Amino acid sequence: LTTMMIGLAMIESLAIYVFVVAMIILFANPFAANFVH
């Protein structure tokens, strides 16, 4: 049970980290901004 909880916590923090990095790339990258518009 403890190992499963640790695994879920790692997966959750990894998902949050990837989401934050994606947001930073989308909003801070001028090429991505030009591509969206």
N, C-alpha and C. Protein backbone atom coordinates (compact mmCIF):
# COMPACT_ATOMS: atom_id res chain seq x y z
N LEU A 1 0.84 -1.21 0.00
CA LEU A 1 0.00 0.00 0.00
C LEU A 1 0.87 1.25 0.00
N THR A 2 1.93 1.24 0.82
CA THR A 2 2.81 2.41 0.87
C THR A 2 3.49 2.65 -0.47
N THR A 3 3.95 1.56 -1.10
CA THR A 3 4.62 1.69 -2.39
C THR A 3 3.66 2.25 -3.44
N MET A 4 2.40 1.81 -3.39
CA MET A 4 1.42 2.30 -4.34
C MET A 4 1.15 3.78 -4.12
N MET A 5 1.07 4.20 -2.87
CA MET A 5 0.84 5.62 -2.57
C MET A 5 2.01 6.46 -3.06
N ILE A 6 3.24 5.98 -2.84
CA ILE A 6 4.43 6.71 -3.31
C ILE A 6 4.42 6.79 -4.84
N GLY A 7 4.06 5.71 -5.49
CA GLY A 7 4.01 5.69 -6.95
C GLY A 7 2.97 6.67 -7.47
N LEU A 8 1.79 6.68 -6.84
CA LEU A 8 0.75 7.62 -7.27
C LEU A 8 1.20 9.05 -7.06
N ALA A 9 1.88 9.33 -5.96
CA ALA A 9 2.37 10.69 -5.69
C ALA A 9 3.39 11.11 -6.74
N MET A 10 4.29 10.20 -7.11
CA MET A 10 5.30 10.51 -8.13
C MET A 10 4.64 10.77 -9.47
N ILE A 11 3.68 9.93 -9.85
CA ILE A 11 2.98 10.11 -11.13
C ILE A 11 2.23 11.44 -11.13
N GLU A 12 1.60 11.77 -9.99
CA GLU A 12 0.83 13.01 -9.92
C GLU A 12 1.74 14.21 -10.04
N SER A 13 2.88 14.21 -9.31
CA SER A 13 3.79 15.36 -9.42
C SER A 13 4.40 15.44 -10.80
N LEU A 14 4.65 14.30 -11.43
CA LEU A 14 5.20 14.33 -12.79
C LEU A 14 4.19 14.93 -13.76
N ALA A 15 2.91 14.57 -13.61
CA ALA A 15 1.86 15.11 -14.48
C ALA A 15 1.74 16.61 -14.29
N ILE A 16 1.80 17.07 -13.03
CA ILE A 16 1.71 18.51 -12.75
C ILE A 16 2.91 19.23 -13.36
N TYR A 17 4.11 18.63 -13.21
CA TYR A 17 5.32 19.25 -13.75
C TYR A 17 5.24 19.38 -15.27
N VAL A 18 4.79 18.32 -15.93
CA VAL A 18 4.66 18.35 -17.39
C VAL A 18 3.64 19.40 -17.81
N PHE A 19 2.53 19.50 -17.07
CA PHE A 19 1.50 20.49 -17.39
C PHE A 19 2.05 21.91 -17.26
N VAL A 20 2.80 22.17 -16.19
CA VAL A 20 3.37 23.50 -15.97
C VAL A 20 4.37 23.84 -17.08
N VAL A 21 5.22 22.88 -17.44
CA VAL A 21 6.21 23.12 -18.49
C VAL A 21 5.50 23.39 -19.83
N ALA A 22 4.43 22.65 -20.11
CA ALA A 22 3.68 22.88 -21.35
C ALA A 22 3.08 24.28 -21.37
N MET A 23 2.52 24.72 -20.24
CA MET A 23 1.96 26.08 -20.17
C MET A 23 3.04 27.12 -20.38
N ILE A 24 4.22 26.92 -19.77
CA ILE A 24 5.32 27.88 -19.92
C ILE A 24 5.75 27.94 -21.38
N ILE A 25 5.86 26.78 -22.03
CA ILE A 25 6.28 26.76 -23.43
C ILE A 25 5.24 27.45 -24.31
N LEU A 26 3.96 27.20 -24.03
CA LEU A 26 2.90 27.78 -24.87
C LEU A 26 2.84 29.29 -24.73
N PHE A 27 3.00 29.81 -23.50
CA PHE A 27 2.80 31.24 -23.27
C PHE A 27 4.09 32.04 -23.35
N ALA A 28 5.27 31.39 -23.20
CA ALA A 28 6.52 32.13 -23.18
C ALA A 28 7.27 32.01 -24.50
N ASN A 29 6.83 31.11 -25.38
CA ASN A 29 7.54 30.88 -26.63
C ASN A 29 6.90 31.73 -27.73
N PRO A 30 7.61 32.71 -28.29
CA PRO A 30 7.03 33.56 -29.34
C PRO A 30 6.66 32.77 -30.58
N PHE A 31 7.43 31.74 -30.91
CA PHE A 31 7.11 30.93 -32.08
C PHE A 31 5.78 30.20 -31.87
N ALA A 32 5.56 29.69 -30.66
CA ALA A 32 4.30 29.01 -30.36
C ALA A 32 3.15 30.00 -30.40
N ALA A 33 3.37 31.21 -29.90
CA ALA A 33 2.33 32.24 -29.91
C ALA A 33 1.97 32.60 -31.36
N ASN A 34 2.97 32.76 -32.21
CA ASN A 34 2.71 33.05 -33.62
C ASN A 34 1.99 31.89 -34.29
N PHE A 35 2.34 30.66 -33.89
CA PHE A 35 1.70 29.49 -34.49
C PHE A 35 0.23 29.42 -34.11
N VAL A 36 -0.08 29.75 -32.85
CA VAL A 36 -1.48 29.70 -32.40
C VAL A 36 -2.29 30.77 -33.12
N HIS A 37 -1.75 31.98 -33.22
CA HIS A 37 -2.46 33.04 -33.92
C HIS A 37 -2.24 32.90 -35.43
